[in-house]
Amino acid sequence: MRKPVASNIFRSKKIRDSARDQSCVRCGSDDGTVVLCHYTGLRQHQYGKGKGIKGSDIIGAHLCYTCHTEMDQPQQRKSIEASEEFLHCVALTLIRLVEQGVLK
């Protein structure tokens, strides 16, 4: 078994709080349910995820309740397409955080 790439899990309250009042990067919903959702795809353990431990905050996406629920389904976590889609949402969130000055 491969050793996880992320040996130190990155945590940032600023990044987690940045989801407040944002729209969902996946569906565009602006319904007040958007939170930073930690990546749960095929490579989740390489980003610090472990039993009872969320992955690094930097590998998260601004998702609404509906999209978050869909992306966390067990069949989605095992799907290459869903894993790639989640990582795309992470990339869109990182671009947003840079554009808004949350990340520099």
PDB file of N, CA and C in Angstrom:
ATOM      1  N   MET A   1       0.838  -1.188   0.000  1.00  0.00           N
ATOM      2  CA  MET A   1       0.000   0.000   0.000  1.00  0.00           C
ATOM      3  C   MET A   1       0.879   1.246   0.000  1.00  0.00           C
ATOM      4  N   ARG A   2       0.503   2.215  -0.823  1.00  0.00           N
ATOM      5  CA  ARG A   2       1.260   3.458  -0.934  1.00  0.00           C
ATOM      6  C   ARG A   2       1.081   4.343   0.284  1.00  0.00           C
ATOM      7  N   LYS A   3       2.160   5.005   0.679  1.00  0.00           N
ATOM      8  CA  LYS A   3       2.081   5.976   1.764  1.00  0.00           C
ATOM      9  C   LYS A   3       1.350   7.216   1.245  1.00  0.00           C
ATOM     10  N   PRO A   4       0.400   7.782   2.026  1.00  0.00           N
ATOM     11  CA  PRO A   4      -0.297   8.986   1.580  1.00  0.00           C
ATOM     12  C   PRO A   4       0.670  10.120   1.273  1.00  0.00           C
ATOM     13  N   VAL A   5       0.370  10.879   0.240  1.00  0.00           N
ATOM     14  CA  VAL A   5       1.198  12.019  -0.144  1.00  0.00           C
ATOM     15  C   VAL A   5       1.120  13.106   0.920  1.00  0.00           C
ATOM     16  N   ALA A   6      -0.078  13.343   1.434  1.00  0.00           N
ATOM     17  CA  ALA A   6      -0.290  14.408   2.416  1.00  0.00           C
ATOM     18  C   ALA A   6      -0.045  13.877   3.823  1.00  0.00           C
ATOM     19  N   SER A   7       1.191  13.970   4.299  1.00  0.00           N
ATOM     20  CA  SER A   7       1.484  13.480   5.637  1.00  0.00           C
ATOM     21  C   SER A   7       1.028  14.479   6.691  1.00  0.00           C
ATOM     22  N   ASN A   8       1.055  15.754   6.374  1.00  0.00           N
ATOM     23  CA  ASN A   8       0.540  16.788   7.263  1.00  0.00           C
ATOM     24  C   ASN A   8      -0.746  17.324   6.649  1.00  0.00           C
ATOM     25  N   ILE A   9      -1.824  17.137   7.345  1.00  0.00           N
ATOM     26  CA  ILE A   9      -3.111  17.584   6.816  1.00  0.00           C
ATOM     27  C   ILE A   9      -3.218  19.088   6.989  1.00  0.00           C
ATOM     28  N   PHE A  10      -3.485  19.784   5.891  1.00  0.00           N
ATOM     29  CA  PHE A  10      -3.591  21.243   5.882  1.00  0.00           C
ATOM     30  C   PHE A  10      -4.984  21.650   6.344  1.00  0.00           C
ATOM     31  N   ARG A  11      -5.053  22.466   7.391  1.00  0.00           N
ATOM     32  CA  ARG A  11      -6.315  22.988   7.904  1.00  0.00           C
ATOM     33  C   ARG A  11      -6.286  24.508   7.846  1.00  0.00           C
ATOM     34  N   SER A  12      -7.413  25.098   7.415  1.00  0.00           N
ATOM     35  CA  SER A  12      -7.508  26.551   7.352  1.00  0.00           C
ATOM     36  C   SER A  12      -8.952  26.992   7.588  1.00  0.00           C
ATOM     37  N   LYS A  13      -9.177  27.627   8.719  1.00  0.00           N
ATOM     38  CA  LYS A  13     -10.516  28.160   9.022  1.00  0.00           C
ATOM     39  C   LYS A  13     -10.921  29.183   7.960  1.00  0.00           C
ATOM     40  N   LYS A  14      -9.957  29.955   7.490  1.00  0.00           N
ATOM     41  CA  LYS A  14     -10.221  30.967   6.465  1.00  0.00           C
ATOM     42  C   LYS A  14     -10.774  30.317   5.191  1.00  0.00           C
ATOM     43  N   ILE A  15     -10.184  29.202   4.778  1.00  0.00           N
ATOM     44  CA  ILE A  15     -10.660  28.504   3.583  1.00  0.00           C
ATOM     45  C   ILE A  15     -12.035  27.890   3.842  1.00  0.00           C
ATOM     46  N   ARG A  16     -12.216  27.249   5.005  1.00  0.00           N
ATOM     47  CA  ARG A  16     -13.521  26.649   5.313  1.00  0.00           C
ATOM     48  C   ARG A  16     -14.609  27.716   5.369  1.00  0.00           C
ATOM     49  N   ASP A  17     -14.319  28.847   6.006  1.00  0.00           N
ATOM     50  CA  ASP A  17     -15.304  29.927   6.123  1.00  0.00           C
ATOM     51  C   ASP A  17     -15.588  30.623   4.796  1.00  0.00           C
ATOM     52  N   SER A  18     -14.672  30.477   3.828  1.00  0.00           N
ATOM     53  CA  SER A  18     -14.831  31.165   2.537  1.00  0.00           C
ATOM     54  C   SER A  18     -16.058  30.690   1.763  1.00  0.00           C
ATOM     55  N   ALA A  19     -16.591  29.540   2.107  1.00  0.00           N
ATOM     56  CA  ALA A  19     -17.755  29.005   1.387  1.00  0.00           C
ATOM     57  C   ALA A  19     -19.041  29.755   1.728  1.00  0.00           C
ATOM     58  N   ARG A  20     -19.040  30.421   2.869  1.00  0.00           N
ATOM     59  CA  ARG A  20     -20.239  31.134   3.302  1.00  0.00           C
ATOM     60  C   ARG A  20     -20.658  32.172   2.256  1.00  0.00           C
ATOM     61  N   ASP A  21     -21.924  32.161   1.902  1.00  0.00           N
ATOM     62  CA  ASP A  21     -22.519  33.116   0.943  1.00  0.00           C
ATOM     63  C   ASP A  21     -22.005  32.954  -0.485  1.00  0.00           C
ATOM     64  N   GLN A  22     -21.407  31.802  -0.804  1.00  0.00           N
ATOM     65  CA  GLN A  22     -20.948  31.536  -2.172  1.00  0.00           C
ATOM     66  C   GLN A  22     -21.997  30.713  -2.910  1.00  0.00           C
ATOM     67  N   SER A  23     -21.885  30.675  -4.220  1.00  0.00           N
ATOM     68  CA  SER A  23     -22.718  29.782  -5.023  1.00  0.00           C
ATOM     69  C   SER A  23     -21.969  28.459  -5.190  1.00  0.00           C
ATOM     70  N   CYS A  24     -22.697  27.428  -5.518  1.00  0.00           N
ATOM     71  CA  CYS A  24     -22.117  26.106  -5.736  1.00  0.00           C
ATOM     72  C   CYS A  24     -21.319  26.119  -7.044  1.00  0.00           C
ATOM     73  N   VAL A  25     -20.072  25.637  -6.999  1.00  0.00           N
ATOM     74  CA  VAL A  25     -19.255  25.618  -8.218  1.00  0.00           C
ATOM     75  C   VAL A  25     -19.715  24.535  -9.187  1.00  0.00           C
ATOM     76  N   ARG A  26     -20.527  23.605  -8.734  1.00  0.00           N
ATOM     77  CA  ARG A  26     -20.982  22.501  -9.594  1.00  0.00           C
ATOM     78  C   ARG A  26     -22.276  22.855 -10.323  1.00  0.00           C
ATOM     79  N   CYS A  27     -23.275  23.355  -9.597  1.00  0.00           N
ATOM     80  CA  CYS A  27     -24.589  23.599 -10.216  1.00  0.00           C
ATOM     81  C   CYS A  27     -24.989  25.069 -10.250  1.00  0.00           C
ATOM     82  N   GLY A  28     -24.244  25.918  -9.526  1.00  0.00           N
ATOM     83  CA  GLY A  28     -24.542  27.345  -9.516  1.00  0.00           C
ATOM     84  C   GLY A  28     -25.568  27.761  -8.474  1.00  0.00           C
ATOM     85  N   SER A  29     -26.101  26.823  -7.718  1.00  0.00           N
ATOM     86  CA  SER A  29     -27.114  27.129  -6.707  1.00  0.00           C
ATOM     87  C   SER A  29     -26.584  28.131  -5.693  1.00  0.00           C
ATOM     88  N   ASP A  30     -27.440  29.069  -5.334  1.00  0.00           N
ATOM     89  CA  ASP A  30     -27.105  30.098  -4.348  1.00  0.00           C
ATOM     90  C   ASP A  30     -28.173  30.049  -3.258  1.00  0.00           C
ATOM     91  N   ASP A  31     -28.330  28.867  -2.651  1.00  0.00           N
ATOM     92  CA  ASP A  31     -29.447  28.638  -1.726  1.00  0.00           C
ATOM     93  C   ASP A  31     -29.060  28.710  -0.249  1.00  0.00           C
ATOM     94  N   GLY A  32     -27.823  29.161   0.048  1.00  0.00           N
ATOM     95  CA  GLY A  32     -27.395  29.305   1.433  1.00  0.00           C
ATOM     96  C   GLY A  32     -26.898  28.025   2.077  1.00  0.00           C
ATOM     97  N   THR A  33     -26.793  26.933   1.297  1.00  0.00           N
ATOM     98  CA  THR A  33     -26.341  25.661   1.870  1.00  0.00           C
ATOM     99  C   THR A  33     -24.905  25.312   1.488  1.00  0.00           C
ATOM    100  N   VAL A  34     -24.218  26.213   0.798  1.00  0.00           N
ATOM    101  CA  VAL A  34     -22.870  25.921   0.297  1.00  0.00           C
ATOM    102  C   VAL A  34     -21.861  25.872   1.448  1.00  0.00           C
ATOM    103  N   VAL A  35     -21.076  24.799   1.458  1.00  0.00           N
ATOM    104  CA  VAL A  35     -19.999  24.614   2.427  1.00  0.00           C
ATOM    105  C   VAL A  35     -18.770  24.097   1.687  1.00  0.00           C
ATOM    106  N   LEU A  36     -17.621  24.101   2.365  1.00  0.00           N
ATOM    107  CA  LEU A  36     -16.418  23.504   1.789  1.00  0.00           C
ATOM    108  C   LEU A  36     -16.521  21.993   1.972  1.00  0.00           C
ATOM    109  N   CYS A  37     -16.610  21.278   0.873  1.00  0.00           N
ATOM    110  CA  CYS A  37     -16.735  19.817   0.902  1.00  0.00           C
ATOM    111  C   CYS A  37     -15.386  19.198   0.598  1.00  0.00           C
ATOM    112  N   HIS A  38     -14.946  18.332   1.469  1.00  0.00           N
ATOM    113  CA  HIS A  38     -13.650  17.681   1.308  1.00  0.00           C
ATOM    114  C   HIS A  38     -13.754  16.567   0.280  1.00  0.00           C
ATOM    115  N   TYR A  39     -12.752  16.479  -0.560  1.00  0.00           N
ATOM    116  CA  TYR A  39     -12.684  15.489  -1.640  1.00  0.00           C
ATOM    117  C   TYR A  39     -12.808  14.070  -1.088  1.00  0.00           C
ATOM    118  N   THR A  40     -13.693  13.286  -1.721  1.00  0.00           N
ATOM    119  CA  THR A  40     -13.929  11.905  -1.288  1.00  0.00           C
ATOM    120  C   THR A  40     -13.758  10.925  -2.437  1.00  0.00           C
ATOM    121  N   GLY A  41     -13.021  11.321  -3.454  1.00  0.00           N
ATOM    122  CA  GLY A  41     -12.865  10.486  -4.638  1.00  0.00           C
ATOM    123  C   GLY A  41     -11.830   9.387  -4.480  1.00  0.00           C
ATOM    124  N   LEU A  42     -11.460   8.819  -5.614  1.00  0.00           N
ATOM    125  CA  LEU A  42     -10.567   7.665  -5.650  1.00  0.00           C
ATOM    126  C   LEU A  42      -9.220   7.891  -4.967  1.00  0.00           C
ATOM    127  N   ARG A  43      -8.721   9.107  -4.988  1.00  0.00           N
ATOM    128  CA  ARG A  43      -7.402   9.406  -4.410  1.00  0.00           C
ATOM    129  C   ARG A  43      -7.495  10.082  -3.042  1.00  0.00           C
ATOM    130  N   GLN A  44      -8.609   9.953  -2.374  1.00  0.00           N
ATOM    131  CA  GLN A  44      -8.836  10.667  -1.118  1.00  0.00           C
ATOM    132  C   GLN A  44      -7.747  10.432  -0.073  1.00  0.00           C
ATOM    133  N   HIS A  45      -7.219   9.241   0.008  1.00  0.00           N
ATOM    134  CA  HIS A  45      -6.206   8.941   1.020  1.00  0.00           C
ATOM    135  C   HIS A  45      -4.872   9.608   0.712  1.00  0.00           C
ATOM    136  N   GLN A  46      -4.639   9.949  -0.535  1.00  0.00           N
ATOM    137  CA  GLN A  46      -3.414  10.660  -0.891  1.00  0.00           C
ATOM    138  C   GLN A  46      -3.482  12.125  -0.492  1.00  0.00           C
ATOM    139  N   TYR A  47      -4.663  12.598  -0.131  1.00  0.00           N
ATOM    140  CA  TYR A  47      -4.849  13.989   0.295  1.00  0.00           C
ATOM    141  C   TYR A  47      -5.147  14.072   1.784  1.00  0.00           C
ATOM    142  N   GLY A  48      -4.762  13.049   2.542  1.00  0.00           N
ATOM    143  CA  GLY A  48      -4.867  13.091   3.988  1.00  0.00           C
ATOM    144  C   GLY A  48      -6.085  12.430   4.594  1.00  0.00           C
ATOM    145  N   LYS A  49      -7.025  11.972   3.783  1.00  0.00           N
ATOM    146  CA  LYS A  49      -8.236  11.338   4.309  1.00  0.00           C
ATOM    147  C   LYS A  49      -7.879  10.029   4.986  1.00  0.00           C
ATOM    148  N   GLY A  50      -8.485   9.809   6.129  1.00  0.00           N
ATOM    149  CA  GLY A  50      -8.308   8.562   6.858  1.00  0.00           C
ATOM    150  C   GLY A  50      -9.595   8.232   7.579  1.00  0.00           C
ATOM    151  N   LYS A  51      -9.633   7.145   8.275  1.00  0.00           N
ATOM    152  CA  LYS A  51     -10.842   6.760   8.996  1.00  0.00           C
ATOM    153  C   LYS A  51     -11.179   7.829  10.037  1.00  0.00           C
ATOM    154  N   GLY A  52     -12.308   8.475   9.846  1.00  0.00           N
ATOM    155  CA  GLY A  52     -12.737   9.531  10.754  1.00  0.00           C
ATOM    156  C   GLY A  52     -11.995  10.841  10.590  1.00  0.00           C
ATOM    157  N   ILE A  53     -11.160  10.961   9.551  1.00  0.00           N
ATOM    158  CA  ILE A  53     -10.377  12.179   9.320  1.00  0.00           C
ATOM    159  C   ILE A  53     -10.660  12.696   7.922  1.00  0.00           C
ATOM    160  N   LYS A  54     -11.060  13.958   7.830  1.00  0.00           N
ATOM    161  CA  LYS A  54     -11.270  14.573   6.524  1.00  0.00           C
ATOM    162  C   LYS A  54      -9.914  14.850   5.884  1.00  0.00           C
ATOM    163  N   GLY A  55      -9.911  14.905   4.564  1.00  0.00           N
ATOM    164  CA  GLY A  55      -8.696  15.269   3.850  1.00  0.00           C
ATOM    165  C   GLY A  55      -8.365  16.735   4.074  1.00  0.00           C
ATOM    166  N   SER A  56      -7.278  17.182   3.474  1.00  0.00           N
ATOM    167  CA  SER A  56      -6.835  18.566   3.624  1.00  0.00           C
ATOM    168  C   SER A  56      -7.879  19.554   3.126  1.00  0.00           C
ATOM    169  N   ASP A  57      -7.969  20.688   3.810  1.00  0.00           N
ATOM    170  CA  ASP A  57      -8.930  21.730   3.435  1.00  0.00           C
ATOM    171  C   ASP A  57      -8.654  22.287   2.047  1.00  0.00           C
ATOM    172  N   ILE A  58      -7.412  22.260   1.610  1.00  0.00           N
ATOM    173  CA  ILE A  58      -7.060  22.813   0.302  1.00  0.00           C
ATOM    174  C   ILE A  58      -7.631  21.964  -0.837  1.00  0.00           C
ATOM    175  N   ILE A  59      -8.003  20.716  -0.557  1.00  0.00           N
ATOM    176  CA  ILE A  59      -8.607  19.835  -1.562  1.00  0.00           C
ATOM    177  C   ILE A  59     -10.097  19.740  -1.262  1.00  0.00           C
ATOM    178  N   GLY A  60     -10.746  20.895  -1.297  1.00  0.00           N
ATOM    179  CA  GLY A  60     -12.176  20.978  -1.037  1.00  0.00           C
ATOM    180  C   GLY A  60     -12.856  21.825  -2.090  1.00  0.00           C
ATOM    181  N   ALA A  61     -14.159  21.675  -2.192  1.00  0.00           N
ATOM    182  CA  ALA A  61     -14.939  22.411  -3.189  1.00  0.00           C
ATOM    183  C   ALA A  61     -16.137  23.070  -2.533  1.00  0.00           C
ATOM    184  N   HIS A  62     -16.512  24.243  -3.047  1.00  0.00           N
ATOM    185  CA  HIS A  62     -17.721  24.926  -2.596  1.00  0.00           C
ATOM    186  C   HIS A  62     -18.926  24.249  -3.254  1.00  0.00           C
ATOM    187  N   LEU A  63     -19.619  23.402  -2.484  1.00  0.00           N
ATOM    188  CA  LEU A  63     -20.769  22.667  -3.002  1.00  0.00           C
ATOM    189  C   LEU A  63     -22.001  22.918  -2.145  1.00  0.00           C
ATOM    190  N   CYS A  64     -23.162  22.948  -2.796  1.00  0.00           N
ATOM    191  CA  CYS A  64     -24.433  23.073  -2.087  1.00  0.00           C
ATOM    192  C   CYS A  64     -24.789  21.720  -1.460  1.00  0.00           C
ATOM    193  N   TYR A  65     -25.813  21.714  -0.644  1.00  0.00           N
ATOM    194  CA  TYR A  65     -26.230  20.489   0.043  1.00  0.00           C
ATOM    195  C   TYR A  65     -26.512  19.361  -0.945  1.00  0.00           C
ATOM    196  N   THR A  66     -27.239  19.657  -2.027  1.00  0.00           N
ATOM    197  CA  THR A  66     -27.613  18.623  -2.996  1.00  0.00           C
ATOM    198  C   THR A  66     -26.385  18.027  -3.671  1.00  0.00           C
ATOM    199  N   CYS A  67     -25.481  18.872  -4.170  1.00  0.00           N
ATOM    200  CA  CYS A  67     -24.274  18.375  -4.845  1.00  0.00           C
ATOM    201  C   CYS A  67     -23.353  17.661  -3.867  1.00  0.00           C
ATOM    202  N   HIS A  68     -23.238  18.185  -2.648  1.00  0.00           N
ATOM    203  CA  HIS A  68     -22.414  17.546  -1.626  1.00  0.00           C
ATOM    204  C   HIS A  68     -22.925  16.134  -1.347  1.00  0.00           C
ATOM    205  N   THR A  69     -24.227  16.001  -1.196  1.00  0.00           N
ATOM    206  CA  THR A  69     -24.838  14.694  -0.939  1.00  0.00           C
ATOM    207  C   THR A  69     -24.574  13.738  -2.098  1.00  0.00           C
ATOM    208  N   GLU A  70     -24.737  14.217  -3.324  1.00  0.00           N
ATOM    209  CA  GLU A  70     -24.496  13.378  -4.504  1.00  0.00           C
ATOM    210  C   GLU A  70     -23.037  12.930  -4.586  1.00  0.00           C
ATOM    211  N   MET A  71     -22.109  13.845  -4.328  1.00  0.00           N
ATOM    212  CA  MET A  71     -20.687  13.519  -4.448  1.00  0.00           C
ATOM    213  C   MET A  71     -20.204  12.590  -3.332  1.00  0.00           C
ATOM    214  N   ASP A  72     -20.918  12.547  -2.218  1.00  0.00           N
ATOM    215  CA  ASP A  72     -20.529  11.695  -1.099  1.00  0.00           C
ATOM    216  C   ASP A  72     -21.138  10.293  -1.146  1.00  0.00           C
ATOM    217  N   GLN A  73     -21.944   9.999  -2.150  1.00  0.00           N
ATOM    218  CA  GLN A  73     -22.533   8.667  -2.257  1.00  0.00           C
ATOM    219  C   GLN A  73     -21.437   7.631  -2.523  1.00  0.00           C
ATOM    220  N   PRO A  74     -21.521   6.462  -1.876  1.00  0.00           N
ATOM    221  CA  PRO A  74     -20.478   5.437  -2.053  1.00  0.00           C
ATOM    222  C   PRO A  74     -20.202   5.078  -3.511  1.00  0.00           C
ATOM    223  N   GLN A  75     -21.237   4.968  -4.343  1.00  0.00           N
ATOM    224  CA  GLN A  75     -21.011   4.614  -5.747  1.00  0.00           C
ATOM    225  C   GLN A  75     -20.284   5.736  -6.490  1.00  0.00           C
ATOM    226  N   GLN A  76     -20.466   6.987  -6.058  1.00  0.00           N
ATOM    227  CA  GLN A  76     -19.770   8.109  -6.678  1.00  0.00           C
ATOM    228  C   GLN A  76     -18.289   8.095  -6.314  1.00  0.00           C
ATOM    229  N   ARG A  77     -17.980   7.731  -5.084  1.00  0.00           N
ATOM    230  CA  ARG A  77     -16.592   7.735  -4.637  1.00  0.00           C
ATOM    231  C   ARG A  77     -15.751   6.715  -5.387  1.00  0.00           C
ATOM    232  N   LYS A  78     -16.396   5.685  -5.927  1.00  0.00           N
ATOM    233  CA  LYS A  78     -15.667   4.638  -6.639  1.00  0.00           C
ATOM    234  C   LYS A  78     -15.647   4.856  -8.144  1.00  0.00           C
ATOM    235  N   SER A  79     -16.296   5.894  -8.610  1.00  0.00           N
ATOM    236  CA  SER A  79     -16.397   6.172 -10.035  1.00  0.00           C
ATOM    237  C   SER A  79     -15.284   7.112 -10.484  1.00  0.00           C
ATOM    238  N   ILE A  80     -14.596   6.729 -11.557  1.00  0.00           N
ATOM    239  CA  ILE A  80     -13.545   7.596 -12.108  1.00  0.00           C
ATOM    240  C   ILE A  80     -14.136   8.923 -12.567  1.00  0.00           C
ATOM    241  N   GLU A  81     -15.290   8.888 -13.209  1.00  0.00           N
ATOM    242  CA  GLU A  81     -15.921  10.116 -13.713  1.00  0.00           C
ATOM    243  C   GLU A  81     -16.292  11.055 -12.566  1.00  0.00           C
ATOM    244  N   ALA A  82     -16.893  10.513 -11.505  1.00  0.00           N
ATOM    245  CA  ALA A  82     -17.285  11.343 -10.367  1.00  0.00           C
ATOM    246  C   ALA A  82     -16.057  11.896  -9.652  1.00  0.00           C
ATOM    247  N   SER A  83     -15.012  11.087  -9.524  1.00  0.00           N
ATOM    248  CA  SER A  83     -13.777  11.532  -8.882  1.00  0.00           C
ATOM    249  C   SER A  83     -13.156  12.681  -9.668  1.00  0.00           C
ATOM    250  N   GLU A  84     -13.124  12.562 -10.992  1.00  0.00           N
ATOM    251  CA  GLU A  84     -12.592  13.619 -11.845  1.00  0.00           C
ATOM    252  C   GLU A  84     -13.463  14.861 -11.746  1.00  0.00           C
ATOM    253  N   GLU A  85     -14.783  14.685 -11.702  1.00  0.00           N
ATOM    254  CA  GLU A  85     -15.690  15.833 -11.583  1.00  0.00           C
ATOM    255  C   GLU A  85     -15.456  16.555 -10.257  1.00  0.00           C
ATOM    256  N   PHE A  86     -15.276  15.798  -9.181  1.00  0.00           N
ATOM    257  CA  PHE A  86     -15.037  16.414  -7.877  1.00  0.00           C
ATOM    258  C   PHE A  86     -13.733  17.206  -7.917  1.00  0.00           C
ATOM    259  N   LEU A  87     -12.662  16.629  -8.501  1.00  0.00           N
ATOM    260  CA  LEU A  87     -11.400  17.353  -8.595  1.00  0.00           C
ATOM    261  C   LEU A  87     -11.534  18.608  -9.457  1.00  0.00           C
ATOM    262  N   HIS A  88     -12.397  18.562 -10.476  1.00  0.00           N
ATOM    263  CA  HIS A  88     -12.665  19.756 -11.280  1.00  0.00           C
ATOM    264  C   HIS A  88     -13.330  20.827 -10.402  1.00  0.00           C
ATOM    265  N   CYS A  89     -14.259  20.422  -9.560  1.00  0.00           N
ATOM    266  CA  CYS A  89     -14.905  21.362  -8.638  1.00  0.00           C
ATOM    267  C   CYS A  89     -13.888  21.958  -7.663  1.00  0.00           C
ATOM    268  N   VAL A  90     -12.932  21.146  -7.225  1.00  0.00           N
ATOM    269  CA  VAL A  90     -11.858  21.638  -6.358  1.00  0.00           C
ATOM    270  C   VAL A  90     -11.061  22.706  -7.104  1.00  0.00           C
ATOM    271  N   ALA A  91     -10.722  22.445  -8.370  1.00  0.00           N
ATOM    272  CA  ALA A  91      -9.962  23.416  -9.164  1.00  0.00           C
ATOM    273  C   ALA A  91     -10.739  24.722  -9.319  1.00  0.00           C
ATOM    274  N   LEU A  92     -12.041  24.633  -9.607  1.00  0.00           N
ATOM    275  CA  LEU A  92     -12.865  25.841  -9.732  1.00  0.00           C
ATOM    276  C   LEU A  92     -12.900  26.622  -8.421  1.00  0.00           C
ATOM    277  N   THR A  93     -12.945  25.908  -7.313  1.00  0.00           N
ATOM    278  CA  THR A  93     -12.948  26.559  -6.002  1.00  0.00           C
ATOM    279  C   THR A  93     -11.619  27.249  -5.748  1.00  0.00           C
ATOM    280  N   LEU A  94     -10.505  26.603  -6.094  1.00  0.00           N
ATOM    281  CA  LEU A  94      -9.187  27.225  -5.907  1.00  0.00           C
ATOM    282  C   LEU A  94      -9.052  28.490  -6.741  1.00  0.00           C
ATOM    283  N   ILE A  95      -9.538  28.446  -7.979  1.00  0.00           N
ATOM    284  CA  ILE A  95      -9.517  29.645  -8.829  1.00  0.00           C
ATOM    285  C   ILE A  95     -10.328  30.755  -8.174  1.00  0.00           C
ATOM    286  N   ARG A  96     -11.508  30.415  -7.662  1.00  0.00           N
ATOM    287  CA  ARG A  96     -12.368  31.403  -6.973  1.00  0.00           C
ATOM    288  C   ARG A  96     -11.637  31.996  -5.772  1.00  0.00           C
ATOM    289  N   LEU A  97     -10.989  31.146  -4.978  1.00  0.00           N
ATOM    290  CA  LEU A  97     -10.294  31.638  -3.772  1.00  0.00           C
ATOM    291  C   LEU A  97      -9.154  32.576  -4.116  1.00  0.00           C
ATOM    292  N   VAL A  98      -8.451  32.308  -5.197  1.00  0.00           N
ATOM    293  CA  VAL A  98      -7.384  33.211  -5.641  1.00  0.00           C
ATOM    294  C   VAL A  98      -7.994  34.526  -6.137  1.00  0.00           C
ATOM    295  N   GLU A  99      -9.030  34.438  -6.957  1.00  0.00           N
ATOM    296  CA  GLU A  99      -9.673  35.642  -7.501  1.00  0.00           C
ATOM    297  C   GLU A  99     -10.250  36.519  -6.373  1.00  0.00           C
ATOM    298  N   GLN A 100     -10.733  35.913  -5.307  1.00  0.00           N
ATOM    299  CA  GLN A 100     -11.318  36.671  -4.189  1.00  0.00           C
ATOM    300  C   GLN A 100     -10.276  37.084  -3.149  1.00  0.00           C
ATOM    301  N   GLY A 101      -9.023  36.706  -3.367  1.00  0.00           N
ATOM    302  CA  GLY A 101      -7.953  37.106  -2.461  1.00  0.00           C
ATOM    303  C   GLY A 101      -7.862  36.280  -1.183  1.00  0.00           C
ATOM    304  N   VAL A 102      -8.608  35.189  -1.100  1.00  0.00           N
ATOM    305  CA  VAL A 102      -8.538  34.320   0.068  1.00  0.00           C
ATOM    306  C   VAL A 102      -7.195  33.581   0.062  1.00  0.00           C
ATOM    307  N   LEU A 103      -6.760  33.153  -1.125  1.00  0.00           N
ATOM    308  CA  LEU A 103      -5.451  32.515  -1.303  1.00  0.00           C
ATOM    309  C   LEU A 103      -4.566  33.438  -2.120  1.00  0.00           C
ATOM    310  N   LYS A 104      -3.291  33.478  -1.763  1.00  0.00           N
ATOM    311  CA  LYS A 104      -2.350  34.316  -2.499  1.00  0.00           C
ATOM    312  C   LYS A 104      -1.160  33.490  -2.927  1.00  0.00           C
TER     313      LYS A 104
END
